[in-house]
Each structure stands twice: as C-alpha cells, then as structure tokens.
Amino acid sequence: MFQFIVIAIALLVGLLSTRLMKFLKLPNVTGYLIAGILVGPCVLGLWLSTINVGNEQTLKDIVYNQNVMTFITNAALGFIAFSIGTSFRRESLK
C-alpha cells in the first residue's frame, strides 16, 4: 500500500515540475532532474531520516526501501521505453 503512495507522490511531483518548466520555457527533462533531486534520498531523505516511526526505524527506511525504489525505477523505465516506442516511424527504421 505504501508503495502506491510513494509512486503517486513521485508522479505528482513529476507532473508539477513539467508544468513549471513549461511556464519557464525550459525542457521537461530539466524538471524531471530537479524533481528527482528534490524527492531523492540526498534532499528529502535527510529530512525523513529525522522522523522515527518506532523500533529504531525512520521514515527514510520505509520510503527508500529497496523494493519500493526498484518498482519505481522499473515503472519509470517502462514509461520511457513506451514513449520512445511511440515516436518510431516506419520511414525512419528503413
């Protein structure tokens, strides 16, 4: 259940970053990079590591669980592969 919440937050941050980049007339990739840095373990992880949820476990341990991160990485790669696949044209493959 928590995995879906993390994915929803990642998708929402990605969507908001693309809207901001359109407003600033910058490429969407720039927004994705900035969003990834902000919600990644280096920035958000530092804040989450200060919140204890019991049994010597912090919120960072839950959010950045290896299973959750692997799932998000695989989903992101799937989206990238799908978008690349939709841009192929028969003429360009010849």
PDB file of N, CA and C in Angstrom:
ATOM      1  N   MET A   1       0.820  -1.194   0.000  1.00  0.00           N
ATOM      2  CA  MET A   1       0.000   0.000   0.000  1.00  0.00           C
ATOM      3  C   MET A   1       0.862   1.256   0.000  1.00  0.00           C
ATOM      4  N   PHE A   2       1.904   1.236   0.838  1.00  0.00           N
ATOM      5  CA  PHE A   2       2.768   2.405   0.932  1.00  0.00           C
ATOM      6  C   PHE A   2       3.511   2.660  -0.372  1.00  0.00           C
ATOM      7  N   GLN A   3       3.788   1.584  -1.133  1.00  0.00           N
ATOM      8  CA  GLN A   3       4.471   1.730  -2.414  1.00  0.00           C
ATOM      9  C   GLN A   3       3.655   2.597  -3.363  1.00  0.00           C
ATOM     10  N   PHE A   4       2.346   2.420  -3.355  1.00  0.00           N
ATOM     11  CA  PHE A   4       1.488   3.191  -4.248  1.00  0.00           C
ATOM     12  C   PHE A   4       1.442   4.667  -3.860  1.00  0.00           C
ATOM     13  N   ILE A   5       1.523   4.941  -2.582  1.00  0.00           N
ATOM     14  CA  ILE A   5       1.563   6.333  -2.129  1.00  0.00           C
ATOM     15  C   ILE A   5       2.853   6.997  -2.584  1.00  0.00           C
ATOM     16  N   VAL A   6       3.970   6.292  -2.466  1.00  0.00           N
ATOM     17  CA  VAL A   6       5.256   6.829  -2.908  1.00  0.00           C
ATOM     18  C   VAL A   6       5.237   7.062  -4.415  1.00  0.00           C
ATOM     19  N   ILE A   7       4.682   6.139  -5.169  1.00  0.00           N
ATOM     20  CA  ILE A   7       4.594   6.296  -6.625  1.00  0.00           C
ATOM     21  C   ILE A   7       3.698   7.469  -6.982  1.00  0.00           C
ATOM     22  N   ALA A   8       2.578   7.605  -6.281  1.00  0.00           N
ATOM     23  CA  ALA A   8       1.674   8.724  -6.551  1.00  0.00           C
ATOM     24  C   ALA A   8       2.358  10.059  -6.282  1.00  0.00           C
ATOM     25  N   ILE A   9       3.118  10.142  -5.215  1.00  0.00           N
ATOM     26  CA  ILE A   9       3.838  11.380  -4.906  1.00  0.00           C
ATOM     27  C   ILE A   9       4.885  11.659  -5.981  1.00  0.00           C
ATOM     28  N   ALA A  10       5.609  10.626  -6.412  1.00  0.00           N
ATOM     29  CA  ALA A  10       6.631  10.808  -7.451  1.00  0.00           C
ATOM     30  C   ALA A  10       5.995  11.278  -8.759  1.00  0.00           C
ATOM     31  N   LEU A  11       4.858  10.695  -9.134  1.00  0.00           N
ATOM     32  CA  LEU A  11       4.181  11.116 -10.358  1.00  0.00           C
ATOM     33  C   LEU A  11       3.648  12.542 -10.246  1.00  0.00           C
ATOM     34  N   LEU A  12       3.123  12.884  -9.086  1.00  0.00           N
ATOM     35  CA  LEU A  12       2.604  14.234  -8.877  1.00  0.00           C
ATOM     36  C   LEU A  12       3.722  15.273  -8.940  1.00  0.00           C
ATOM     37  N   VAL A  13       4.840  14.979  -8.312  1.00  0.00           N
ATOM     38  CA  VAL A  13       5.976  15.906  -8.354  1.00  0.00           C
ATOM     39  C   VAL A  13       6.495  16.035  -9.780  1.00  0.00           C
ATOM     40  N   GLY A  14       6.539  14.931 -10.521  1.00  0.00           N
ATOM     41  CA  GLY A  14       6.961  14.981 -11.912  1.00  0.00           C
ATOM     42  C   GLY A  14       6.024  15.815 -12.766  1.00  0.00           C
ATOM     43  N   LEU A  15       4.724  15.655 -12.561  1.00  0.00           N
ATOM     44  CA  LEU A  15       3.738  16.436 -13.311  1.00  0.00           C
ATOM     45  C   LEU A  15       3.849  17.918 -12.995  1.00  0.00           C
ATOM     46  N   LEU A  16       3.972  18.247 -11.715  1.00  0.00           N
ATOM     47  CA  LEU A  16       4.098  19.650 -11.333  1.00  0.00           C
ATOM     48  C   LEU A  16       5.390  20.269 -11.857  1.00  0.00           C
ATOM     49  N   SER A  17       6.455  19.469 -11.892  1.00  0.00           N
ATOM     50  CA  SER A  17       7.721  20.007 -12.402  1.00  0.00           C
ATOM     51  C   SER A  17       7.639  20.284 -13.902  1.00  0.00           C
ATOM     52  N   THR A  18       6.924  19.441 -14.657  1.00  0.00           N
ATOM     53  CA  THR A  18       6.790  19.718 -16.093  1.00  0.00           C
ATOM     54  C   THR A  18       5.949  20.962 -16.330  1.00  0.00           C
ATOM     55  N   ARG A  19       4.943  21.176 -15.519  1.00  0.00           N
ATOM     56  CA  ARG A  19       4.133  22.395 -15.652  1.00  0.00           C
ATOM     57  C   ARG A  19       4.980  23.634 -15.370  1.00  0.00           C
ATOM     58  N   LEU A  20       5.818  23.538 -14.358  1.00  0.00           N
ATOM     59  CA  LEU A  20       6.691  24.662 -14.029  1.00  0.00           C
ATOM     60  C   LEU A  20       7.710  24.911 -15.147  1.00  0.00           C
ATOM     61  N   MET A  21       8.247  23.841 -15.715  1.00  0.00           N
ATOM     62  CA  MET A  21       9.234  24.001 -16.787  1.00  0.00           C
ATOM     63  C   MET A  21       8.592  24.577 -18.051  1.00  0.00           C
ATOM     64  N   LYS A  22       7.342  24.225 -18.325  1.00  0.00           N
ATOM     65  CA  LYS A  22       6.642  24.824 -19.467  1.00  0.00           C
ATOM     66  C   LYS A  22       6.473  26.320 -19.250  1.00  0.00           C
ATOM     67  N   PHE A  23       6.135  26.699 -18.036  1.00  0.00           N
ATOM     68  CA  PHE A  23       5.968  28.107 -17.702  1.00  0.00           C
ATOM     69  C   PHE A  23       7.285  28.858 -17.858  1.00  0.00           C
ATOM     70  N   LEU A  24       8.388  28.221 -17.474  1.00  0.00           N
ATOM     71  CA  LEU A  24       9.704  28.840 -17.573  1.00  0.00           C
ATOM     72  C   LEU A  24      10.341  28.664 -18.951  1.00  0.00           C
ATOM     73  N   LYS A  25       9.634  27.954 -19.846  1.00  0.00           N
ATOM     74  CA  LYS A  25      10.112  27.683 -21.208  1.00  0.00           C
ATOM     75  C   LYS A  25      11.438  26.927 -21.204  1.00  0.00           C
ATOM     76  N   LEU A  26      11.507  25.893 -20.360  1.00  0.00           N
ATOM     77  CA  LEU A  26      12.662  25.008 -20.285  1.00  0.00           C
ATOM     78  C   LEU A  26      12.215  23.594 -20.660  1.00  0.00           C
ATOM     79  N   PRO A  27      13.142  22.715 -21.056  1.00  0.00           N
ATOM     80  CA  PRO A  27      12.761  21.339 -21.399  1.00  0.00           C
ATOM     81  C   PRO A  27      12.211  20.580 -20.193  1.00  0.00           C
ATOM     82  N   ASN A  28      11.309  19.631 -20.458  1.00  0.00           N
ATOM     83  CA  ASN A  28      10.727  18.827 -19.382  1.00  0.00           C
ATOM     84  C   ASN A  28      11.779  18.009 -18.647  1.00  0.00           C
ATOM     85  N   VAL A  29      12.824  17.605 -19.355  1.00  0.00           N
ATOM     86  CA  VAL A  29      13.876  16.806 -18.726  1.00  0.00           C
ATOM     87  C   VAL A  29      14.509  17.566 -17.564  1.00  0.00           C
ATOM     88  N   THR A  30      14.634  18.866 -17.706  1.00  0.00           N
ATOM     89  CA  THR A  30      15.176  19.687 -16.623  1.00  0.00           C
ATOM     90  C   THR A  30      14.295  19.575 -15.383  1.00  0.00           C
ATOM     91  N   GLY A  31      12.989  19.628 -15.594  1.00  0.00           N
ATOM     92  CA  GLY A  31      12.057  19.482 -14.476  1.00  0.00           C
ATOM     93  C   GLY A  31      12.142  18.119 -13.826  1.00  0.00           C
ATOM     94  N   TYR A  32      12.290  17.071 -14.653  1.00  0.00           N
ATOM     95  CA  TYR A  32      12.420  15.722 -14.104  1.00  0.00           C
ATOM     96  C   TYR A  32      13.692  15.584 -13.272  1.00  0.00           C
ATOM     97  N   LEU A  33      14.772  16.171 -13.745  1.00  0.00           N
ATOM     98  CA  LEU A  33      16.029  16.101 -12.992  1.00  0.00           C
ATOM     99  C   LEU A  33      15.924  16.829 -11.657  1.00  0.00           C
ATOM    100  N   ILE A  34      15.350  18.016 -11.686  1.00  0.00           N
ATOM    101  CA  ILE A  34      15.194  18.782 -10.447  1.00  0.00           C
ATOM    102  C   ILE A  34      14.265  18.064  -9.480  1.00  0.00           C
ATOM    103  N   ALA A  35      13.163  17.520  -9.990  1.00  0.00           N
ATOM    104  CA  ALA A  35      12.221  16.789  -9.134  1.00  0.00           C
ATOM    105  C   ALA A  35      12.874  15.547  -8.546  1.00  0.00           C
ATOM    106  N   GLY A  36      13.673  14.852  -9.352  1.00  0.00           N
ATOM    107  CA  GLY A  36      14.366  13.670  -8.856  1.00  0.00           C
ATOM    108  C   GLY A  36      15.351  13.995  -7.747  1.00  0.00           C
ATOM    109  N   ILE A  37      16.016  15.111  -7.886  1.00  0.00           N
ATOM    110  CA  ILE A  37      16.956  15.529  -6.839  1.00  0.00           C
ATOM    111  C   ILE A  37      16.204  15.897  -5.561  1.00  0.00           C
ATOM    112  N   LEU A  38      15.082  16.600  -5.708  1.00  0.00           N
ATOM    113  CA  LEU A  38      14.332  17.041  -4.526  1.00  0.00           C
ATOM    114  C   LEU A  38      13.690  15.889  -3.768  1.00  0.00           C
ATOM    115  N   VAL A  39      13.151  14.898  -4.463  1.00  0.00           N
ATOM    116  CA  VAL A  39      12.490  13.789  -3.766  1.00  0.00           C
ATOM    117  C   VAL A  39      13.421  12.603  -3.579  1.00  0.00           C
ATOM    118  N   GLY A  40      14.673  12.740  -3.978  1.00  0.00           N
ATOM    119  CA  GLY A  40      15.648  11.667  -3.818  1.00  0.00           C
ATOM    120  C   GLY A  40      16.173  11.585  -2.400  1.00  0.00           C
ATOM    121  N   PRO A  41      16.981  10.578  -2.159  1.00  0.00           N
ATOM    122  CA  PRO A  41      17.484  10.366  -0.794  1.00  0.00           C
ATOM    123  C   PRO A  41      18.441  11.439  -0.306  1.00  0.00           C
ATOM    124  N   CYS A  42      19.047  12.204  -1.207  1.00  0.00           N
ATOM    125  CA  CYS A  42      20.011  13.226  -0.763  1.00  0.00           C
ATOM    126  C   CYS A  42      19.324  14.431  -0.131  1.00  0.00           C
ATOM    127  N   VAL A  43      18.170  14.847  -0.647  1.00  0.00           N
ATOM    128  CA  VAL A  43      17.491  16.027  -0.114  1.00  0.00           C
ATOM    129  C   VAL A  43      16.344  15.621   0.809  1.00  0.00           C
ATOM    130  N   LEU A  44      15.346  14.940   0.273  1.00  0.00           N
ATOM    131  CA  LEU A  44      14.199  14.541   1.081  1.00  0.00           C
ATOM    132  C   LEU A  44      14.586  13.482   2.106  1.00  0.00           C
ATOM    133  N   GLY A  45      15.553  12.641   1.752  1.00  0.00           N
ATOM    134  CA  GLY A  45      16.000  11.590   2.674  1.00  0.00           C
ATOM    135  C   GLY A  45      16.607  12.132   3.943  1.00  0.00           C
ATOM    136  N   LEU A  46      17.288  13.265   3.852  1.00  0.00           N
ATOM    137  CA  LEU A  46      17.865  13.868   5.051  1.00  0.00           C
ATOM    138  C   LEU A  46      16.779  14.296   6.031  1.00  0.00           C
ATOM    139  N   TRP A  47      15.705  14.851   5.506  1.00  0.00           N
ATOM    140  CA  TRP A  47      14.609  15.277   6.360  1.00  0.00           C
ATOM    141  C   TRP A  47      13.860  14.069   6.925  1.00  0.00           C
ATOM    142  N   LEU A  48      13.633  13.059   6.085  1.00  0.00           N
ATOM    143  CA  LEU A  48      12.886  11.884   6.535  1.00  0.00           C
ATOM    144  C   LEU A  48      13.669  11.058   7.554  1.00  0.00           C
ATOM    145  N   SER A  49      14.994  11.153   7.525  1.00  0.00           N
ATOM    146  CA  SER A  49      15.794  10.364   8.468  1.00  0.00           C
ATOM    147  C   SER A  49      15.675  10.884   9.889  1.00  0.00           C
ATOM    148  N   THR A  50      15.108  12.069  10.066  1.00  0.00           N
ATOM    149  CA  THR A  50      14.938  12.609  11.413  1.00  0.00           C
ATOM    150  C   THR A  50      13.621  12.181  12.055  1.00  0.00           C
ATOM    151  N   ILE A  51      12.733  11.540  11.295  1.00  0.00           N
ATOM    152  CA  ILE A  51      11.423  11.150  11.813  1.00  0.00           C
ATOM    153  C   ILE A  51      11.439   9.676  12.176  1.00  0.00           C
ATOM    154  N   ASN A  52      11.347   9.360  13.460  1.00  0.00           N
ATOM    155  CA  ASN A  52      11.312   7.979  13.921  1.00  0.00           C
ATOM    156  C   ASN A  52       9.870   7.472  13.915  1.00  0.00           C
ATOM    157  N   VAL A  53       9.695   6.243  13.419  1.00  0.00           N
ATOM    158  CA  VAL A  53       8.364   5.637  13.413  1.00  0.00           C
ATOM    159  C   VAL A  53       8.284   4.449  14.348  1.00  0.00           C
ATOM    160  N   GLY A  54       9.331   4.208  15.108  1.00  0.00           N
ATOM    161  CA  GLY A  54       9.337   3.131  16.092  1.00  0.00           C
ATOM    162  C   GLY A  54      10.276   2.017  15.698  1.00  0.00           C
ATOM    163  N   ASN A  55      10.672   1.223  16.702  1.00  0.00           N
ATOM    164  CA  ASN A  55      11.571   0.085  16.515  1.00  0.00           C
ATOM    165  C   ASN A  55      12.865   0.481  15.799  1.00  0.00           C
ATOM    166  N   GLU A  56      13.412   1.634  16.150  1.00  0.00           N
ATOM    167  CA  GLU A  56      14.658   2.125  15.562  1.00  0.00           C
ATOM    168  C   GLU A  56      14.581   2.267  14.041  1.00  0.00           C
ATOM    169  N   GLN A  57      13.377   2.471  13.531  1.00  0.00           N
ATOM    170  CA  GLN A  57      13.186   2.627  12.091  1.00  0.00           C
ATOM    171  C   GLN A  57      12.739   4.053  11.804  1.00  0.00           C
ATOM    172  N   THR A  58      13.342   4.669  10.805  1.00  0.00           N
ATOM    173  CA  THR A  58      12.964   6.015  10.431  1.00  0.00           C
ATOM    174  C   THR A  58      12.078   5.969   9.203  1.00  0.00           C
ATOM    175  N   LEU A  59      11.448   7.083   8.917  1.00  0.00           N
ATOM    176  CA  LEU A  59      10.595   7.173   7.742  1.00  0.00           C
ATOM    177  C   LEU A  59      11.412   7.018   6.464  1.00  0.00           C
ATOM    178  N   LYS A  60      12.678   7.410   6.507  1.00  0.00           N
ATOM    179  CA  LYS A  60      13.560   7.233   5.354  1.00  0.00           C
ATOM    180  C   LYS A  60      13.720   5.757   5.025  1.00  0.00           C
ATOM    181  N   ASP A  61      13.832   4.907   6.044  1.00  0.00           N
ATOM    182  CA  ASP A  61      13.979   3.469   5.812  1.00  0.00           C
ATOM    183  C   ASP A  61      12.766   2.898   5.093  1.00  0.00           C
ATOM    184  N   ILE A  62      11.591   3.427   5.396  1.00  0.00           N
ATOM    185  CA  ILE A  62      10.366   2.934   4.766  1.00  0.00           C
ATOM    186  C   ILE A  62      10.248   3.455   3.340  1.00  0.00           C
ATOM    187  N   VAL A  63      10.466   4.754   3.154  1.00  0.00           N
ATOM    188  CA  VAL A  63      10.279   5.357   1.830  1.00  0.00           C
ATOM    189  C   VAL A  63      11.307   4.850   0.844  1.00  0.00           C
ATOM    190  N   TYR A  64      12.559   4.792   1.260  1.00  0.00           N
ATOM    191  CA  TYR A  64      13.619   4.387   0.354  1.00  0.00           C
ATOM    192  C   TYR A  64      13.957   2.908   0.492  1.00  0.00           C
ATOM    193  N   ASN A  65      12.954   2.105   0.776  1.00  0.00           N
ATOM    194  CA  ASN A  65      13.076   0.660   0.809  1.00  0.00           C
ATOM    195  C   ASN A  65      13.504   0.186  -0.583  1.00  0.00           C
ATOM    196  N   GLN A  66      14.363  -0.803  -0.638  1.00  0.00           N
ATOM    197  CA  GLN A  66      14.890  -1.281  -1.921  1.00  0.00           C
ATOM    198  C   GLN A  66      13.774  -1.768  -2.843  1.00  0.00           C
ATOM    199  N   ASN A  67      12.758  -2.419  -2.293  1.00  0.00           N
ATOM    200  CA  ASN A  67      11.665  -2.916  -3.126  1.00  0.00           C
ATOM    201  C   ASN A  67      10.875  -1.772  -3.749  1.00  0.00           C
ATOM    202  N   VAL A  68      10.641  -0.719  -2.983  1.00  0.00           N
ATOM    203  CA  VAL A  68       9.894   0.425  -3.498  1.00  0.00           C
ATOM    204  C   VAL A  68      10.697   1.119  -4.583  1.00  0.00           C
ATOM    205  N   MET A  69      11.973   1.340  -4.348  1.00  0.00           N
ATOM    206  CA  MET A  69      12.806   2.033  -5.333  1.00  0.00           C
ATOM    207  C   MET A  69      12.956   1.211  -6.605  1.00  0.00           C
ATOM    208  N   THR A  70      13.076  -0.115  -6.487  1.00  0.00           N
ATOM    209  CA  THR A  70      13.175  -0.965  -7.675  1.00  0.00           C
ATOM    210  C   THR A  70      11.899  -0.890  -8.490  1.00  0.00           C
ATOM    211  N   PHE A  71      10.766  -0.889  -7.815  1.00  0.00           N
ATOM    212  CA  PHE A  71       9.487  -0.807  -8.518  1.00  0.00           C
ATOM    213  C   PHE A  71       9.347   0.525  -9.252  1.00  0.00           C
ATOM    214  N   ILE A  72       9.729   1.614  -8.596  1.00  0.00           N
ATOM    215  CA  ILE A  72       9.644   2.935  -9.218  1.00  0.00           C
ATOM    216  C   ILE A  72      10.598   3.020 -10.411  1.00  0.00           C
ATOM    217  N   THR A  73      11.800   2.491 -10.266  1.00  0.00           N
ATOM    218  CA  THR A  73      12.766   2.509 -11.366  1.00  0.00           C
ATOM    219  C   THR A  73      12.240   1.717 -12.562  1.00  0.00           C
ATOM    220  N   ASN A  74      11.698   0.542 -12.308  1.00  0.00           N
ATOM    221  CA  ASN A  74      11.162  -0.267 -13.401  1.00  0.00           C
ATOM    222  C   ASN A  74       9.968   0.408 -14.067  1.00  0.00           C
ATOM    223  N   ALA A  75       9.115   1.036 -13.290  1.00  0.00           N
ATOM    224  CA  ALA A  75       7.970   1.747 -13.864  1.00  0.00           C
ATOM    225  C   ALA A  75       8.439   2.924 -14.717  1.00  0.00           C
ATOM    226  N   ALA A  76       9.427   3.664 -14.230  1.00  0.00           N
ATOM    227  CA  ALA A  76       9.947   4.802 -14.991  1.00  0.00           C
ATOM    228  C   ALA A  76      10.585   4.342 -16.297  1.00  0.00           C
ATOM    229  N   LEU A  77      11.352   3.270 -16.251  1.00  0.00           N
ATOM    230  CA  LEU A  77      11.958   2.751 -17.473  1.00  0.00           C
ATOM    231  C   LEU A  77      10.900   2.252 -18.450  1.00  0.00           C
ATOM    232  N   GLY A  78       9.826   1.698 -17.928  1.00  0.00           N
ATOM    233  CA  GLY A  78       8.722   1.275 -18.789  1.00  0.00           C
ATOM    234  C   GLY A  78       8.065   2.455 -19.485  1.00  0.00           C
ATOM    235  N   PHE A  79       7.853   3.545 -18.753  1.00  0.00           N
ATOM    236  CA  PHE A  79       7.284   4.753 -19.364  1.00  0.00           C
ATOM    237  C   PHE A  79       8.210   5.324 -20.440  1.00  0.00           C
ATOM    238  N   ILE A  80       9.509   5.320 -20.149  1.00  0.00           N
ATOM    239  CA  ILE A  80      10.472   5.835 -21.119  1.00  0.00           C
ATOM    240  C   ILE A  80      10.478   4.967 -22.376  1.00  0.00           C
ATOM    241  N   ALA A  81      10.509   3.655 -22.208  1.00  0.00           N
ATOM    242  CA  ALA A  81      10.513   2.759 -23.357  1.00  0.00           C
ATOM    243  C   ALA A  81       9.234   2.905 -24.171  1.00  0.00           C
ATOM    244  N   PHE A  82       8.108   3.058 -23.505  1.00  0.00           N
ATOM    245  CA  PHE A  82       6.841   3.240 -24.210  1.00  0.00           C
ATOM    246  C   PHE A  82       6.837   4.530 -25.012  1.00  0.00           C
ATOM    247  N   SER A  83       7.322   5.615 -24.419  1.00  0.00           N
ATOM    248  CA  SER A  83       7.331   6.887 -25.145  1.00  0.00           C
ATOM    249  C   SER A  83       8.321   6.870 -26.303  1.00  0.00           C
ATOM    250  N   ILE A  84       9.431   6.169 -26.151  1.00  0.00           N
ATOM    251  CA  ILE A  84      10.370   6.035 -27.269  1.00  0.00           C
ATOM    252  C   ILE A  84       9.738   5.191 -28.368  1.00  0.00           C
ATOM    253  N   GLY A  85       9.056   4.138 -27.996  1.00  0.00           N
ATOM    254  CA  GLY A  85       8.425   3.265 -28.981  1.00  0.00           C
ATOM    255  C   GLY A  85       7.339   3.960 -29.779  1.00  0.00           C
ATOM    256  N   THR A  86       6.647   4.894 -29.170  1.00  0.00           N
ATOM    257  CA  THR A  86       5.586   5.601 -29.896  1.00  0.00           C
ATOM    258  C   THR A  86       6.139   6.635 -30.862  1.00  0.00           C
ATOM    259  N   SER A  87       7.410   6.998 -30.715  1.00  0.00           N
ATOM    260  CA  SER A  87       7.977   8.011 -31.604  1.00  0.00           C
ATOM    261  C   SER A  87       8.605   7.419 -32.861  1.00  0.00           C
ATOM    262  N   PHE A  88       8.737   6.084 -32.946  1.00  0.00           N
ATOM    263  CA  PHE A  88       9.306   5.468 -34.139  1.00  0.00           C
ATOM    264  C   PHE A  88       8.336   5.565 -35.301  1.00  0.00           C
ATOM    265  N   ARG A  89       8.890   5.818 -36.470  1.00  0.00           N
ATOM    266  CA  ARG A  89       8.125   5.846 -37.713  1.00  0.00           C
ATOM    267  C   ARG A  89       8.711   4.795 -38.647  1.00  0.00           C
ATOM    268  N   ARG A  90       7.889   4.247 -39.456  1.00  0.00           N
ATOM    269  CA  ARG A  90       8.323   3.207 -40.383  1.00  0.00           C
ATOM    270  C   ARG A  90       9.416   3.729 -41.313  1.00  0.00           C
ATOM    271  N   GLU A  91       9.291   4.955 -41.739  1.00  0.00           N
ATOM    272  CA  GLU A  91      10.273   5.531 -42.661  1.00  0.00           C
ATOM    273  C   GLU A  91      11.650   5.673 -42.007  1.00  0.00           C
ATOM    274  N   SER A  92      11.665   5.999 -40.731  1.00  0.00           N
ATOM    275  CA  SER A  92      12.955   6.197 -40.061  1.00  0.00           C
ATOM    276  C   SER A  92      13.644   4.867 -39.759  1.00  0.00           C
ATOM    277  N   LEU A  93      12.910   3.764 -39.726  1.00  0.00           N
ATOM    278  CA  LEU A  93      13.509   2.472 -39.462  1.00  0.00           C
ATOM    279  C   LEU A  93      14.141   1.855 -40.699  1.00  0.00           C
ATOM    280  N   LYS A  94      13.760   2.334 -41.893  1.00  0.00           N
ATOM    281  CA  LYS A  94      14.299   1.747 -43.145  1.00  0.00           C
ATOM    282  C   LYS A  94      15.737   2.101 -43.367  1.00  0.00           C
TER     283      LYS A  94
END
